[in-house]
Amino acid sequence: MAEKLELIVRGKWIFDGCSNKAEMLEALNHQKEFIKDIPDEATITHNEDDYIIFEVEAKDKDDFKYYKKKGFVRTYE
């Protein structure tokens, strides 16, 4: 069944709404926790438009459910 899934993050929005250094540090801390939750087997791709794409391959239905719970969606290549 192997099926590719992806999670796309827009890097330039990380600091949206931040107006001081403390808020920027809090935004970075949030991103740190978000990244820690991404499965280790995910591959990372960066593109020119400031998107970071995490990709995984679901080998069975349980993998698929696990990755969906983490925010991954099907890729349509």
C-alpha atoms as a PDB file:
ATOM      1  CA  MET A   1       0.000   0.000   0.000  1.00  0.00           C
ATOM      2  CA  ALA A   2       2.970   2.400   0.387  1.00  0.00           C
ATOM      3  CA  GLU A   3       1.575   5.904   0.085  1.00  0.00           C
ATOM      4  CA  LYS A   4       3.428   9.216   0.334  1.00  0.00           C
ATOM      5  CA  LEU A   5       2.200  11.915   2.681  1.00  0.00           C
ATOM      6  CA  GLU A   6       3.485  15.431   3.293  1.00  0.00           C
ATOM      7  CA  LEU A   7       3.323  18.203   5.845  1.00  0.00           C
ATOM      8  CA  ILE A   8       3.986  21.709   4.512  1.00  0.00           C
ATOM      9  CA  VAL A   9       5.163  24.575   6.714  1.00  0.00           C
ATOM     10  CA  ARG A  10       5.605  28.170   5.544  1.00  0.00           C
ATOM     11  CA  GLY A  11       8.770  29.484   7.166  1.00  0.00           C
ATOM     12  CA  LYS A  12       8.108  33.187   6.684  1.00  0.00           C
ATOM     13  CA  TRP A  13       5.016  33.114   8.908  1.00  0.00           C
ATOM     14  CA  ILE A  14       6.872  31.925  11.999  1.00  0.00           C
ATOM     15  CA  PHE A  15       7.179  35.450  13.388  1.00  0.00           C
ATOM     16  CA  ASP A  16       3.800  36.842  12.270  1.00  0.00           C
ATOM     17  CA  GLY A  17       2.326  38.931  15.055  1.00  0.00           C
ATOM     18  CA  CYS A  18       5.600  39.218  16.986  1.00  0.00           C
ATOM     19  CA  SER A  19       6.452  42.754  18.051  1.00  0.00           C
ATOM     20  CA  ASN A  20       9.350  42.188  20.440  1.00  0.00           C
ATOM     21  CA  LYS A  21      12.198  39.818  21.211  1.00  0.00           C
ATOM     22  CA  ALA A  22      10.282  37.896  23.913  1.00  0.00           C
ATOM     23  CA  GLU A  23       7.457  37.140  21.464  1.00  0.00           C
ATOM     24  CA  MET A  24       9.965  36.009  18.841  1.00  0.00           C
ATOM     25  CA  LEU A  25      11.600  33.648  21.322  1.00  0.00           C
ATOM     26  CA  GLU A  26       8.192  32.238  22.251  1.00  0.00           C
ATOM     27  CA  ALA A  27       7.407  31.706  18.549  1.00  0.00           C
ATOM     28  CA  LEU A  28      10.700  29.832  18.149  1.00  0.00           C
ATOM     29  CA  ASN A  29       9.934  27.708  21.197  1.00  0.00           C
ATOM     30  CA  HIS A  30       6.565  26.789  19.684  1.00  0.00           C
ATOM     31  CA  GLN A  31       8.286  25.793  16.428  1.00  0.00           C
ATOM     32  CA  LYS A  32      10.826  23.734  18.374  1.00  0.00           C
ATOM     33  CA  GLU A  33       8.023  21.724  19.997  1.00  0.00           C
ATOM     34  CA  PHE A  34       6.260  21.363  16.638  1.00  0.00           C
ATOM     35  CA  ILE A  35       9.438  20.028  14.983  1.00  0.00           C
ATOM     36  CA  LYS A  36      10.111  17.608  17.858  1.00  0.00           C
ATOM     37  CA  ASP A  37       6.724  16.003  17.117  1.00  0.00           C
ATOM     38  CA  ILE A  38       7.566  15.293  13.465  1.00  0.00           C
ATOM     39  CA  PRO A  39       8.535  11.633  12.962  1.00  0.00           C
ATOM     40  CA  ASP A  40      12.286  11.006  12.627  1.00  0.00           C
ATOM     41  CA  GLU A  41      11.812   9.128   9.361  1.00  0.00           C
ATOM     42  CA  ALA A  42      10.433  12.221   7.610  1.00  0.00           C
ATOM     43  CA  THR A  43      12.569  13.655   4.822  1.00  0.00           C
ATOM     44  CA  ILE A  44      12.858  17.430   4.539  1.00  0.00           C
ATOM     45  CA  THR A  45      12.746  19.498   1.362  1.00  0.00           C
ATOM     46  CA  HIS A  46      13.010  23.281   1.083  1.00  0.00           C
ATOM     47  CA  ASN A  47      11.735  25.176  -1.912  1.00  0.00           C
ATOM     48  CA  GLU A  48      12.377  28.682  -3.200  1.00  0.00           C
ATOM     49  CA  ASP A  49       9.097  30.107  -1.864  1.00  0.00           C
ATOM     50  CA  ASP A  50      10.044  29.607   1.805  1.00  0.00           C
ATOM     51  CA  TYR A  51       8.104  26.359   2.216  1.00  0.00           C
ATOM     52  CA  ILE A  52       9.496  23.469   4.225  1.00  0.00           C
ATOM     53  CA  ILE A  53       8.046  20.119   3.163  1.00  0.00           C
ATOM     54  CA  PHE A  54       8.238  17.057   5.397  1.00  0.00           C
ATOM     55  CA  GLU A  55       7.532  13.781   3.578  1.00  0.00           C
ATOM     56  CA  VAL A  56       6.866  10.278   4.891  1.00  0.00           C
ATOM     57  CA  GLU A  57       5.781   6.999   3.373  1.00  0.00           C
ATOM     58  CA  ALA A  58       2.910   5.109   4.978  1.00  0.00           C
ATOM     59  CA  LYS A  59       3.526   1.406   4.566  1.00  0.00           C
ATOM     60  CA  ASP A  60       0.149   0.284   5.884  1.00  0.00           C
ATOM     61  CA  LYS A  61      -3.178   1.545   7.242  1.00  0.00           C
ATOM     62  CA  ASP A  62      -1.778   2.038  10.771  1.00  0.00           C
ATOM     63  CA  ASP A  63       1.097   4.181   9.447  1.00  0.00           C
ATOM     64  CA  PHE A  64      -1.396   6.203   7.420  1.00  0.00           C
ATOM     65  CA  LYS A  65      -3.573   6.898  10.481  1.00  0.00           C
ATOM     66  CA  TYR A  66      -0.516   7.798  12.589  1.00  0.00           C
ATOM     67  CA  TYR A  67       0.798  10.295  10.049  1.00  0.00           C
ATOM     68  CA  LYS A  68      -2.656  11.810   9.466  1.00  0.00           C
ATOM     69  CA  LYS A  69      -2.908  12.385  13.219  1.00  0.00           C
ATOM     70  CA  LYS A  70       0.409  14.288  13.004  1.00  0.00           C
ATOM     71  CA  GLY A  71      -1.004  16.584  10.298  1.00  0.00           C
ATOM     72  CA  PHE A  72       0.337  14.906   7.153  1.00  0.00           C
ATOM     73  CA  VAL A  73      -1.819  14.761   4.021  1.00  0.00           C
ATOM     74  CA  ARG A  74      -1.640  12.700   0.817  1.00  0.00           C
ATOM     75  CA  THR A  75       0.644  13.930  -1.909  1.00  0.00           C
ATOM     76  CA  TYR A  76      -0.763  14.124  -5.403  1.00  0.00           C
ATOM     77  CA  GLU A  77       2.194  13.832  -7.745  1.00  0.00           C
END
